[in-house]
Protein backbone atom coordinates (compact mmCIF):
# COMPACT_ATOMS: atom_id res chain seq x y z
CA MET A 1 3.57 -17.33 10.68
CA LEU A 2 4.51 -13.99 12.18
CA ASP A 3 6.02 -13.93 15.64
CA THR A 4 4.22 -12.22 18.52
CA ASP A 5 6.54 -9.19 18.63
CA THR A 6 5.93 -8.48 14.94
CA LEU A 7 2.16 -8.75 15.36
CA LEU A 8 2.24 -6.36 18.31
CA MET A 9 4.38 -3.85 16.40
CA ARG A 10 1.88 -4.00 13.56
CA ARG A 11 -0.78 -3.06 16.08
CA ALA A 12 1.36 -0.11 17.26
CA LEU A 13 1.65 1.07 13.65
CA GLU A 14 -2.13 0.78 13.22
CA LEU A 15 -2.63 2.86 16.35
CA ALA A 16 -0.18 5.47 15.05
CA ARG A 17 -2.12 5.85 11.79
CA ARG A 18 -5.18 6.96 13.78
CA GLY A 19 -3.31 10.22 14.24
CA ALA A 20 -3.31 10.98 10.50
CA GLY A 21 -4.31 14.62 10.07
CA LEU A 22 -4.07 15.19 13.82
CA VAL A 23 -0.33 15.43 14.51
CA SER A 24 1.50 17.64 11.97
CA PRO A 25 4.18 18.93 12.24
CA ASN A 26 4.84 16.09 14.67
CA PRO A 27 5.01 12.39 13.69
CA MET A 28 2.27 9.78 14.03
CA VAL A 29 3.05 7.59 17.03
CA GLY A 30 1.32 4.54 18.46
CA ALA A 31 2.31 2.82 21.70
CA MET A 32 1.29 -0.36 23.49
CA LEU A 33 2.23 -1.81 26.87
CA VAL A 34 2.07 -5.59 27.16
CA ASN A 35 2.41 -7.44 30.47
CA GLU A 36 2.54 -11.24 30.60
CA GLY A 37 1.05 -11.55 27.14
CA ARG A 38 -1.82 -9.14 27.79
CA VAL A 39 -2.23 -5.63 26.37
CA VAL A 40 -2.60 -3.40 29.44
CA GLY A 41 -2.35 0.02 27.81
CA GLU A 42 -2.31 1.66 24.39
CA GLY A 43 -2.66 5.06 22.77
CA PHE A 44 -1.78 7.29 19.84
CA HIS A 45 -0.49 10.84 19.61
CA ARG A 46 -2.73 13.85 19.05
CA TYR A 47 -1.04 17.23 18.74
CA ASP A 48 -4.00 19.31 19.87
CA LEU A 49 -4.50 17.35 23.10
CA LEU A 50 -0.85 17.73 24.17
CA ARG A 51 -0.67 14.01 24.84
CA HIS A 52 1.85 11.53 23.50
CA ALA A 53 1.05 7.91 22.70
CA GLU A 54 3.25 6.59 25.53
CA THR A 55 1.43 8.77 28.07
CA TYR A 56 -1.93 7.32 27.13
CA ALA A 57 -0.56 3.79 27.36
CA ILE A 58 1.01 4.37 30.78
CA GLU A 59 -2.13 5.93 32.25
CA GLN A 60 -4.32 3.13 30.89
CA ALA A 61 -1.98 0.45 32.25
CA GLY A 62 -1.66 1.97 35.71
CA ALA A 63 0.25 -0.34 38.06
CA LEU A 64 0.41 -3.00 35.33
CA ALA A 65 2.95 -0.85 33.47
CA ARG A 66 5.61 -2.10 35.90
CA GLY A 67 7.50 -4.94 34.25
CA ALA A 68 5.67 -4.46 30.94
CA THR A 69 7.07 -4.33 27.40
CA LEU A 70 6.61 -1.21 25.28
CA PHE A 71 5.88 -1.53 21.56
CA CYS A 72 6.28 1.81 19.79
CA ASN A 73 6.84 2.79 16.16
CA LEU A 74 9.09 5.74 17.05
CA GLU A 75 11.75 6.40 19.65
CA PRO A 76 10.30 8.02 22.81
CA CYS A 77 11.30 11.66 23.17
CA ALA A 78 14.04 12.67 25.59
CA HIS A 79 13.52 16.42 25.80
CA HIS A 80 11.16 18.93 27.36
CA GLY A 81 9.01 20.44 24.62
CA ARG A 82 5.25 20.91 24.65
CA THR A 83 5.19 17.85 26.94
CA PRO A 84 7.66 16.25 29.40
CA PRO A 85 10.02 13.55 28.07
CA CYS A 86 8.27 10.24 27.37
CA SER A 87 11.47 8.33 28.09
CA GLU A 88 11.39 9.59 31.69
CA ALA A 89 7.71 8.73 32.06
CA LEU A 90 8.43 5.17 30.87
CA ILE A 91 11.30 4.83 33.33
CA GLU A 92 9.13 6.08 36.20
CA ALA A 93 6.38 3.64 35.18
CA GLY A 94 8.85 0.79 35.59
CA ILE A 95 8.73 -0.87 32.16
CA ALA A 96 11.23 -3.70 31.70
CA ARG A 97 11.61 -3.83 27.93
CA ALA A 98 11.09 -1.55 24.93
CA ILE A 99 10.74 -2.61 21.29
CA ILE A 100 11.05 0.41 19.00
CA ALA A 101 10.72 0.42 15.22
CA VAL A 102 12.92 3.42 14.35
CA LYS A 103 14.93 6.23 15.90
CA ASP A 104 13.55 9.77 15.84
CA PRO A 105 15.87 11.91 13.66
CA ASP A 106 14.87 15.10 15.48
CA ARG A 107 18.19 16.52 16.71
CA ARG A 108 16.68 16.84 20.20
CA VAL A 109 16.14 13.08 20.28
CA ASN A 110 18.11 11.06 17.68
CA GLY A 111 19.11 8.16 19.94
CA ARG A 112 18.95 10.01 23.25
CA GLY A 113 15.63 8.40 24.15
CA VAL A 114 17.02 4.91 23.54
CA GLU A 115 20.18 5.78 25.45
CA ARG A 116 18.22 7.08 28.43
CA LEU A 117 16.08 3.92 28.61
CA ARG A 118 19.17 1.70 28.47
CA GLU A 119 20.90 3.74 31.16
CA ALA A 120 17.88 3.00 33.38
CA GLY A 121 18.35 -0.74 32.87
CA ILE A 122 15.57 -1.21 30.33
CA ASP A 123 16.20 -3.77 27.58
CA VAL A 124 15.78 -1.91 24.27
CA GLU A 125 15.43 -3.53 20.83
CA LEU A 126 15.50 -1.28 17.79
CA GLY A 127 14.52 -1.87 14.14
CA LEU A 128 11.47 -4.14 14.13
CA LEU A 129 9.35 -3.19 11.05
CA GLU A 130 11.61 -0.18 10.51
CA ASP A 131 10.72 0.12 6.80
CA ARG A 132 7.00 0.34 7.60
CA ALA A 133 7.66 2.88 10.32
CA LEU A 134 9.66 5.04 7.92
CA ARG A 135 6.92 4.92 5.28
CA LEU A 136 4.23 5.77 7.83
CA ASN A 137 5.96 9.01 8.79
CA GLU A 138 7.63 9.75 5.45
CA SER A 139 6.52 13.38 5.49
CA TYR A 140 7.87 13.92 9.01
CA PHE A 141 11.20 12.25 8.24
CA LYS A 142 11.67 14.32 5.06
CA PHE A 143 10.78 17.56 6.83
CA ILE A 144 12.81 16.99 9.99
CA THR A 145 15.96 15.94 8.11
CA SER A 146 15.87 18.39 5.18
CA GLY A 147 13.66 21.26 6.33
CA ALA A 148 11.54 20.86 3.18
CA PRO A 149 7.98 19.54 2.75
CA PHE A 150 7.40 16.03 1.39
CA VAL A 151 5.92 16.44 -2.11
CA HIS A 152 3.41 13.99 -3.60
CA GLY A 153 2.89 14.91 -7.24
CA VAL A 154 0.16 13.71 -9.59
CA VAL A 155 1.15 13.04 -13.20
CA GLU A 156 -1.82 12.71 -15.57
CA TYR A 157 -1.16 11.07 -18.92
CA PRO A 158 -3.16 12.53 -21.83
CA ALA A 159 -6.36 10.72 -22.87
CA LYS A 160 -7.17 10.06 -26.54
CA ASP A 161 -10.80 10.95 -25.93
CA ALA A 162 -12.34 13.72 -23.84
CA SER A 163 -12.28 11.71 -20.61
CA GLU A 164 -10.97 13.33 -17.43
CA TRP A 165 -9.33 11.68 -14.47
CA ARG A 166 -11.44 11.59 -11.34
CA PRO A 167 -9.67 10.23 -8.25
CA SER A 168 -10.44 6.88 -6.70
CA LYS A 169 -11.85 6.51 -3.20
CA GLN A 170 -8.40 5.44 -2.04
CA PHE A 171 -6.78 8.60 -3.40
CA LEU A 172 -9.38 10.88 -1.82
CA GLU A 173 -9.05 9.12 1.55
CA MET A 174 -5.31 9.73 1.38
CA ALA A 175 -5.68 13.43 0.52
CA PHE A 176 -6.65 14.50 4.04
CA GLU A 177 -3.27 13.34 5.37
CA TYR A 178 -1.49 16.24 3.64
CA ASP A 179 -0.93 19.66 5.18
CA ALA A 180 -1.29 21.47 1.86
CA VAL A 181 -2.79 21.01 -1.62
CA LEU A 182 -1.44 22.72 -4.72
CA THR A 183 -4.44 23.12 -7.03
CA GLY A 184 -4.23 22.33 -10.74
CA ASN A 185 -6.10 23.54 -13.81
CA ASP A 186 -9.14 21.24 -13.40
CA GLY A 187 -11.67 23.00 -11.17
CA LYS A 188 -13.80 19.90 -10.59
CA LEU A 189 -10.75 17.88 -9.56
CA ASN A 190 -9.59 20.66 -7.23
CA LYS A 191 -12.98 20.70 -5.55
CA LEU A 192 -13.14 16.93 -5.09
CA VAL A 193 -9.70 16.75 -3.50
CA ILE A 194 -10.05 19.80 -1.26
CA GLU A 195 -13.46 18.74 0.00
CA ALA A 196 -12.08 15.28 0.78
CA ALA A 197 -9.12 16.84 2.57
CA VAL A 198 -11.31 18.84 4.97
CA GLU A 199 -14.12 16.32 5.37
CA LYS A 200 -12.42 14.49 8.26
CA GLU A 201 -11.20 15.98 11.53
CA ARG A 202 -7.85 17.75 11.27
CA HIS A 203 -6.15 19.89 13.88
CA ARG A 204 -4.65 22.37 11.40
CA VAL A 205 -6.25 24.33 8.61
CA LEU A 206 -5.62 22.95 5.13
CA ILE A 207 -3.28 25.19 3.14
CA VAL A 208 -4.63 25.58 -0.41
CA ILE A 209 -2.11 26.98 -2.88
CA ALA A 210 -4.27 28.49 -5.59
CA ALA A 211 -3.69 29.91 -9.05
CA ASP A 212 -7.07 31.62 -8.96
CA SER A 213 -9.78 32.40 -6.43
CA GLU A 214 -12.92 32.21 -8.49
CA THR A 215 -16.09 30.26 -7.71
CA LEU A 216 -14.42 27.18 -6.23
CA LEU A 217 -12.35 29.02 -3.66
CA ASN A 218 -15.12 31.43 -2.73
CA GLU A 219 -17.44 28.49 -2.16
CA LEU A 220 -14.84 26.68 -0.09
CA ARG A 221 -14.34 29.75 2.08
CA ARG A 222 -18.06 29.94 2.81
CA ARG A 223 -18.37 26.25 3.61
CA SER A 224 -15.03 25.67 5.32
CA ALA A 225 -13.92 29.09 6.53
CA ARG A 226 -12.20 27.63 9.59
CA LYS A 227 -10.70 24.66 7.76
CA ILE A 228 -8.73 26.18 4.88
CA SER A 229 -6.32 29.02 4.26
CA ILE A 230 -5.57 30.23 0.73
CA VAL A 231 -1.97 30.94 -0.27
CA PRO A 232 -1.28 32.48 -3.70
CA PHE A 233 0.80 31.05 -6.48
CA GLU A 234 2.09 33.81 -8.72
CA ASN A 235 3.72 33.63 -12.14
CA GLN A 236 6.90 35.52 -11.45
CA PRO A 237 9.77 35.20 -8.98
CA ALA A 238 8.66 36.72 -5.72
CA ASP A 239 9.90 37.27 -2.22
CA PRO A 240 8.38 34.37 -0.24
CA GLU A 241 7.61 36.81 2.58
CA ALA A 242 5.19 38.60 0.23
CA PHE A 243 2.75 35.69 0.19
CA ARG A 244 -0.60 36.68 1.66
CA LYS A 245 -3.60 34.68 2.84
CA VAL A 246 -5.84 35.34 -0.16
CA VAL A 247 -4.90 36.66 -3.61
CA ARG A 248 -6.91 36.73 -6.84
CA LEU A 249 -4.84 35.43 -9.77
CA ASP A 250 -5.53 34.90 -13.45
CA GLU A 251 -5.59 31.16 -14.23
CA ALA A 252 -4.38 31.82 -17.77
CA THR A 253 -1.10 33.22 -16.50
CA SER A 254 -0.50 30.23 -14.26
CA GLN A 255 0.13 27.68 -17.00
CA ASN A 256 3.81 28.59 -17.43
CA ALA A 257 4.69 28.92 -13.76
CA SER A 258 8.42 29.15 -13.23
CA ARG A 259 10.49 26.56 -11.44
CA SER A 260 12.08 29.24 -9.27
CA LEU A 261 8.73 30.09 -7.75
CA LEU A 262 8.17 26.47 -6.77
CA GLY A 263 11.34 26.68 -4.73
CA ALA A 264 10.10 29.90 -3.14
CA LEU A 265 6.75 28.29 -2.43
CA LEU A 266 8.32 25.27 -0.73
CA ALA A 267 10.50 27.58 1.36
CA THR A 268 7.42 29.52 2.41
CA LEU A 269 5.54 26.34 3.30
CA ALA A 270 8.51 25.12 5.34
CA ARG A 271 8.47 28.31 7.40
CA MET A 272 4.78 27.67 8.02
CA GLN A 273 5.72 24.22 9.39
CA VAL A 274 3.94 22.57 6.45
CA THR A 275 5.46 19.10 6.28
CA SER A 276 3.65 17.73 3.22
CA LEU A 277 2.23 18.93 -0.10
CA LEU A 278 -0.11 17.18 -2.54
CA ALA A 279 0.43 18.71 -6.02
CA LEU A 280 -2.43 18.23 -8.49
CA PRO A 281 -1.68 18.20 -12.24
CA GLY A 282 -1.79 21.22 -14.53
CA LEU A 283 -0.07 24.09 -12.78
CA PHE A 284 3.43 22.72 -13.31
CA ASP A 285 4.89 21.15 -16.41
CA ALA A 286 5.76 17.72 -15.01
CA GLU A 287 7.75 16.98 -18.19
CA ASP A 288 10.32 19.51 -16.98
CA PRO A 289 12.95 17.44 -15.11
CA SER A 290 13.51 20.23 -12.58
CA ASN A 291 9.84 20.03 -11.60
CA PHE A 292 9.67 16.24 -11.74
CA ASP A 293 12.69 15.97 -9.46
CA GLU A 294 10.78 17.77 -6.68
CA PHE A 295 8.41 14.81 -6.32
CA ASP A 296 9.16 12.41 -3.48
CA LYS A 297 6.09 10.34 -4.30
CA ILE A 298 4.00 10.14 -7.46
CA THR A 299 0.54 9.06 -8.52
CA LEU A 300 0.33 8.26 -12.23
CA ALA A 301 -3.19 8.72 -13.64
CA ILE A 302 -3.24 6.63 -16.81
CA PRO A 303 -6.27 6.42 -19.14
CA GLY A 304 -7.23 2.98 -20.47
CA TYR A 305 -4.36 1.26 -18.71
CA GLU A 306 -4.75 -2.49 -18.19
CA GLY A 307 -4.61 -3.29 -14.49
CA GLY A 308 -2.74 -6.52 -15.19
CA GLN A 309 0.26 -4.44 -16.25
CA ALA A 310 0.40 -2.59 -12.95
CA LEU A 311 3.60 -4.32 -11.84
CA THR A 312 5.60 -2.48 -14.53
CA THR A 313 8.32 -0.49 -12.78
CA GLN A 314 9.91 1.36 -15.72
CA TRP A 315 8.06 4.42 -16.97
CA ALA A 316 8.41 7.47 -19.17
CA PHE A 317 6.59 10.80 -19.18
CA GLY A 318 7.53 13.08 -22.03
CA ASN A 319 11.31 12.80 -22.25
CA ILE A 320 11.72 11.73 -18.62
CA GLU A 321 12.49 8.08 -17.94
CA PHE A 322 12.07 6.86 -14.38
CA ASP A 323 11.58 3.82 -12.16
CA LEU A 324 8.61 3.56 -9.83
CA ASP A 325 9.03 1.46 -6.68
CA ASP A 326 6.63 0.11 -4.04
CA ILE A 327 3.68 0.52 -6.38
CA SER A 328 0.07 0.42 -5.21
CA ALA A 329 -2.73 0.44 -7.77
CA ALA A 330 -6.37 1.55 -7.96
CA GLU A 331 -8.92 1.69 -10.78
CA THR A 332 -11.35 4.55 -11.38
CA ASP A 333 -13.64 5.37 -14.34
CA GLY A 334 -11.40 4.30 -17.21
CA TYR A 335 -8.18 5.33 -15.47
CA SER A 336 -5.60 3.42 -13.48
CA GLU A 337 -3.82 5.10 -10.59
CA LEU A 338 -0.34 3.85 -9.83
CA THR A 339 1.25 5.35 -6.73
CA GLY A 340 4.88 4.83 -5.81
CA TYR A 341 8.30 6.34 -5.28
CA PRO A 342 10.17 7.62 -8.37
CA SER A 343 13.83 7.47 -9.15
CA SER A 344 15.01 9.13 -12.34
CA ARG A 345 16.86 7.14 -14.98
CA GLY A 346 17.52 10.22 -17.08
CA VAL A 347 16.12 12.25 -19.93
CA ALA A 348 15.66 10.58 -23.30
């Protein structure tokens, strides 16, 4: 049986996830205040409302915040940014204890929030459900520590028949969490994913990196003019500053896109504060190790794969051999989707 602190931190993580699509380039944060075994305040961060999770919890708790315990999946901030420091607000509210899943690696925080709480006499415990907290904000942690977007690539294995992979409900629900989508060479798949990505509320426009701007993109502009922005993907090395909002490109020339341009694209996206990219199959040759190595997370779309084999961790695609960890599985129309975190074992 799980202890009470663990159950309450799980609740904080659930609250944080409510901010999916509503916080980038900031992290998802959930906070709860508990006083004498009773939840007296809770909240989650929304970028557009200029309110942090801890602020919501404090205001909801009112006087009951004094002597309460904070449960939060991320270290409270300790700097003046778009909002005042949450660590100071918690001190002023009079909390007695803080249980925090993980430190915030932002150089403006990075332990300073914990230090400030401790200096004020607050008992701070760090590390409860840290692994879950890191996974929840994997895009933020990658971006804030490396300056590069988190890349989730899709690798589609070839089918023996004419079947085409169409994403599961789980995959489409996940798509809206990404800041940007790199379209592939399957127009119907592009449309499904992009429509799913803009269907729910999001505080930023979806960046669509496109190899063409034919019917699909024109239709998307008409239907979602305020929800998407088109960025070109060209087939030759280019100055990243030359990227424009909308460019018509020939799909035929996109099939041999160079690796160097992917680097330029990621640099451009980073300057746009894009923290995460979902890369659909077809534009890049995923059998090229230099492309494969860009993927932080992978979904394998495998035709006719038996679900009972889904626990297999060793995989190969072309000449690339890799391990896949923390696998989750879904079934969809003759395909299995295995999503996990790759680590290369080499090239055969």
